[in-house]
């Protein structure tokens, strides 16, 4: 084994481990702050509720109450059927399923959707020795 490659892999693993430690510490700190912010947010929502306000301006900033709605399905087969029945493909977000497109193009090498962009590049995967 080339000594340079050995050193590069060793350094890479050391850097990756350090990065993971930094991320774990960040995630822990972020979770703490998020929990504290959730408490303050709940108090602000209660303040809006008791005062009947939707927006309140302070010398430090403005707190506005709004409604956030999320939609999801627990039955993709039924959702797909619904979308097809109502001709409503715009109910889905615009992105290509990477694994399925890769498989489709492998099985149909002469068939390419108009406007399809493909970006392939070499990558390096480093695994720790056991």
C-alpha atoms as a PDB file:
ATOM      1  CA  UNK A   1       0.000   0.000   0.000  1.00  0.00           C
ATOM      2  CA  UNK A   2       1.261   3.438  -0.885  1.00  0.00           C
ATOM      3  CA  UNK A   3       2.295   5.408   2.233  1.00  0.00           C
ATOM      4  CA  UNK A   4       0.625   8.547   0.880  1.00  0.00           C
ATOM      5  CA  UNK A   5      -2.728   6.798   0.389  1.00  0.00           C
ATOM      6  CA  UNK A   6      -2.413   5.271   3.879  1.00  0.00           C
ATOM      7  CA  UNK A   7      -1.853   8.735   5.374  1.00  0.00           C
ATOM      8  CA  UNK A   8      -4.687  10.302   3.359  1.00  0.00           C
ATOM      9  CA  UNK A   9      -7.191   7.655   4.530  1.00  0.00           C
ATOM     10  CA  UNK A  10      -6.019   8.055   8.147  1.00  0.00           C
ATOM     11  CA  UNK A  11      -6.408  11.842   7.986  1.00  0.00           C
ATOM     12  CA  UNK A  12      -9.782  11.567   6.265  1.00  0.00           C
ATOM     13  CA  UNK A  13     -11.148   9.243   8.966  1.00  0.00           C
ATOM     14  CA  UNK A  14      -9.797  11.508  11.715  1.00  0.00           C
ATOM     15  CA  UNK A  15     -11.463  14.545  10.109  1.00  0.00           C
ATOM     16  CA  UNK A  16     -14.736  12.679   9.592  1.00  0.00           C
ATOM     17  CA  UNK A  17     -14.766  11.602  13.252  1.00  0.00           C
ATOM     18  CA  UNK A  18     -14.101  15.173  14.392  1.00  0.00           C
ATOM     19  CA  UNK A  19     -16.858  16.451  12.111  1.00  0.00           C
ATOM     20  CA  UNK A  20     -19.250  13.892  13.640  1.00  0.00           C
ATOM     21  CA  UNK A  21     -18.316  15.065  17.134  1.00  0.00           C
ATOM     22  CA  UNK A  22     -18.946  18.690  16.167  1.00  0.00           C
ATOM     23  CA  UNK A  23     -22.299  17.787  14.622  1.00  0.00           C
ATOM     24  CA  UNK A  24     -23.365  15.795  17.698  1.00  0.00           C
ATOM     25  CA  UNK A  25     -22.496  18.743  19.962  1.00  0.00           C
ATOM     26  CA  UNK A  26     -24.294  21.164  17.630  1.00  0.00           C
ATOM     27  CA  UNK A  27     -27.380  18.915  17.486  1.00  0.00           C
ATOM     28  CA  UNK A  28     -27.437  18.709  21.287  1.00  0.00           C
ATOM     29  CA  UNK A  29     -27.090  22.484  21.702  1.00  0.00           C
ATOM     30  CA  UNK A  30     -29.668  23.143  18.996  1.00  0.00           C
ATOM     31  CA  UNK A  31     -32.183  20.792  20.658  1.00  0.00           C
ATOM     32  CA  UNK A  32     -31.737  22.654  23.957  1.00  0.00           C
ATOM     33  CA  UNK A  33     -32.315  26.049  22.355  1.00  0.00           C
ATOM     34  CA  UNK A  34     -35.269  24.696  20.344  1.00  0.00           C
ATOM     35  CA  UNK A  35     -36.928  23.411  23.535  1.00  0.00           C
ATOM     36  CA  UNK A  36     -36.480  26.818  25.164  1.00  0.00           C
ATOM     37  CA  UNK A  37     -37.827  28.592  22.062  1.00  0.00           C
ATOM     38  CA  UNK A  38     -40.861  26.258  22.061  1.00  0.00           C
ATOM     39  CA  UNK A  39     -41.669  27.400  25.605  1.00  0.00           C
ATOM     40  CA  UNK A  40     -41.440  31.065  24.630  1.00  0.00           C
ATOM     41  CA  UNK A  41     -43.488  30.427  21.475  1.00  0.00           C
ATOM     42  CA  UNK A  42     -46.222  28.765  23.541  1.00  0.00           C
ATOM     43  CA  UNK A  43     -46.282  31.791  25.831  1.00  0.00           C
ATOM     44  CA  UNK A  44     -46.531  34.138  22.849  1.00  0.00           C
ATOM     45  CA  UNK A  45     -49.401  32.077  21.394  1.00  0.00           C
ATOM     46  CA  UNK A  46     -51.179  32.247  24.744  1.00  0.00           C
ATOM     47  CA  UNK A  47     -50.596  36.014  24.852  1.00  0.00           C
ATOM     48  CA  UNK A  48     -52.125  36.368  21.362  1.00  0.00           C
ATOM     49  CA  UNK A  49     -55.073  34.204  22.427  1.00  0.00           C
ATOM     50  CA  UNK A  50     -55.831  36.117  25.630  1.00  0.00           C
ATOM     51  CA  UNK A  51     -55.406  39.551  24.018  1.00  0.00           C
ATOM     52  CA  UNK A  52     -57.203  38.626  20.793  1.00  0.00           C
ATOM     53  CA  UNK A  53     -54.302  39.872  18.678  1.00  0.00           C
ATOM     54  CA  UNK A  54     -52.824  38.456  15.494  1.00  0.00           C
ATOM     55  CA  UNK A  55     -49.740  40.662  15.542  1.00  0.00           C
ATOM     56  CA  UNK A  56     -47.955  42.509  18.293  1.00  0.00           C
ATOM     57  CA  UNK A  57     -45.131  44.954  17.852  1.00  0.00           C
ATOM     58  CA  UNK A  58     -42.542  45.466  20.570  1.00  0.00           C
ATOM     59  CA  UNK A  59     -39.384  47.545  20.692  1.00  0.00           C
ATOM     60  CA  UNK A  60     -37.457  44.295  19.994  1.00  0.00           C
ATOM     61  CA  UNK A  61     -39.520  42.962  17.118  1.00  0.00           C
ATOM     62  CA  UNK A  62     -42.951  41.812  15.987  1.00  0.00           C
ATOM     63  CA  UNK A  63     -44.643  38.530  16.871  1.00  0.00           C
ATOM     64  CA  UNK A  64     -47.342  37.446  14.440  1.00  0.00           C
ATOM     65  CA  UNK A  65     -49.733  34.554  14.953  1.00  0.00           C
ATOM     66  CA  UNK A  66     -50.608  32.506  11.903  1.00  0.00           C
ATOM     67  CA  UNK A  67     -51.892  29.097  10.904  1.00  0.00           C
ATOM     68  CA  UNK A  68     -49.532  26.536   9.402  1.00  0.00           C
ATOM     69  CA  UNK A  69     -51.153  23.556   7.690  1.00  0.00           C
ATOM     70  CA  UNK A  70     -49.360  20.430   6.459  1.00  0.00           C
ATOM     71  CA  UNK A  71     -50.758  17.690   4.253  1.00  0.00           C
ATOM     72  CA  UNK A  72     -49.555  14.093   3.895  1.00  0.00           C
ATOM     73  CA  UNK A  73     -50.869  10.679   3.049  1.00  0.00           C
ATOM     74  CA  UNK A  74     -50.577   7.338   4.740  1.00  0.00           C
ATOM     75  CA  UNK A  75     -51.828   5.555   1.605  1.00  0.00           C
ATOM     76  CA  UNK A  76     -49.750   6.395  -1.481  1.00  0.00           C
ATOM     77  CA  UNK A  77     -51.658   3.951  -3.657  1.00  0.00           C
ATOM     78  CA  UNK A  78     -54.948   5.699  -2.905  1.00  0.00           C
ATOM     79  CA  UNK A  79     -53.274   9.121  -3.340  1.00  0.00           C
ATOM     80  CA  UNK A  80     -51.921   8.106  -6.735  1.00  0.00           C
ATOM     81  CA  UNK A  81     -55.379   6.893  -7.790  1.00  0.00           C
ATOM     82  CA  UNK A  82     -56.936  10.167  -6.551  1.00  0.00           C
ATOM     83  CA  UNK A  83     -54.382  12.242  -8.486  1.00  0.00           C
ATOM     84  CA  UNK A  84     -55.000  10.250 -11.656  1.00  0.00           C
ATOM     85  CA  UNK A  85     -58.819  10.428 -11.291  1.00  0.00           C
ATOM     86  CA  UNK A  86     -58.730  14.192 -10.835  1.00  0.00           C
ATOM     87  CA  UNK A  87     -55.942  14.843 -13.338  1.00  0.00           C
ATOM     88  CA  UNK A  88     -54.065  16.700 -10.599  1.00  0.00           C
ATOM     89  CA  UNK A  89     -50.334  15.913 -10.904  1.00  0.00           C
ATOM     90  CA  UNK A  90     -49.600  19.369  -9.515  1.00  0.00           C
ATOM     91  CA  UNK A  91     -50.559  18.029  -6.064  1.00  0.00           C
ATOM     92  CA  UNK A  92     -47.090  16.501  -5.967  1.00  0.00           C
ATOM     93  CA  UNK A  93     -43.792  18.313  -5.642  1.00  0.00           C
ATOM     94  CA  UNK A  94     -41.556  18.452  -8.669  1.00  0.00           C
ATOM     95  CA  UNK A  95     -38.610  16.159  -8.203  1.00  0.00           C
ATOM     96  CA  UNK A  96     -37.395  12.975  -9.791  1.00  0.00           C
ATOM     97  CA  UNK A  97     -37.167   9.804  -7.711  1.00  0.00           C
ATOM     98  CA  UNK A  98     -33.419   9.175  -8.075  1.00  0.00           C
ATOM     99  CA  UNK A  99     -33.328   5.403  -7.614  1.00  0.00           C
ATOM    100  CA  UNK A 100     -36.345   4.744  -9.822  1.00  0.00           C
ATOM    101  CA  UNK A 101     -35.022   6.986 -12.625  1.00  0.00           C
ATOM    102  CA  UNK A 102     -31.624   5.272 -12.485  1.00  0.00           C
ATOM    103  CA  UNK A 103     -33.318   1.874 -12.760  1.00  0.00           C
ATOM    104  CA  UNK A 104     -35.646   3.064 -15.556  1.00  0.00           C
ATOM    105  CA  UNK A 105     -32.740   4.400 -17.625  1.00  0.00           C
ATOM    106  CA  UNK A 106     -30.778   1.193 -17.048  1.00  0.00           C
ATOM    107  CA  UNK A 107     -33.754  -0.850 -18.295  1.00  0.00           C
ATOM    108  CA  UNK A 108     -34.550   1.617 -21.133  1.00  0.00           C
ATOM    109  CA  UNK A 109     -31.201   3.026 -22.326  1.00  0.00           C
ATOM    110  CA  UNK A 110     -32.696   4.431 -25.539  1.00  0.00           C
ATOM    111  CA  UNK A 111     -35.534   6.279 -23.801  1.00  0.00           C
ATOM    112  CA  UNK A 112     -34.782   9.676 -22.267  1.00  0.00           C
ATOM    113  CA  UNK A 113     -37.391  12.141 -20.992  1.00  0.00           C
ATOM    114  CA  UNK A 114     -37.222  15.559 -22.652  1.00  0.00           C
ATOM    115  CA  UNK A 115     -35.471  18.029 -20.376  1.00  0.00           C
ATOM    116  CA  UNK A 116     -33.774  15.354 -18.259  1.00  0.00           C
ATOM    117  CA  UNK A 117     -30.478  16.514 -16.789  1.00  0.00           C
ATOM    118  CA  UNK A 118     -27.941  14.041 -15.465  1.00  0.00           C
ATOM    119  CA  UNK A 119     -24.885  14.798 -13.361  1.00  0.00           C
ATOM    120  CA  UNK A 120     -22.498  11.932 -12.684  1.00  0.00           C
ATOM    121  CA  UNK A 121     -19.186  12.251 -10.893  1.00  0.00           C
ATOM    122  CA  UNK A 122     -16.664  10.036  -9.240  1.00  0.00           C
ATOM    123  CA  UNK A 123     -16.806   9.939  -5.458  1.00  0.00           C
ATOM    124  CA  UNK A 124     -14.592   8.427  -2.803  1.00  0.00           C
ATOM    125  CA  UNK A 125     -15.970   6.341   0.060  1.00  0.00           C
ATOM    126  CA  UNK A 126     -13.676   5.780   3.016  1.00  0.00           C
ATOM    127  CA  UNK A 127     -14.346   2.916   5.427  1.00  0.00           C
ATOM    128  CA  UNK A 128     -12.581   2.374   8.695  1.00  0.00           C
ATOM    129  CA  UNK A 129     -10.378  -0.737   9.040  1.00  0.00           C
ATOM    130  CA  UNK A 130     -11.649  -3.391  11.417  1.00  0.00           C
END
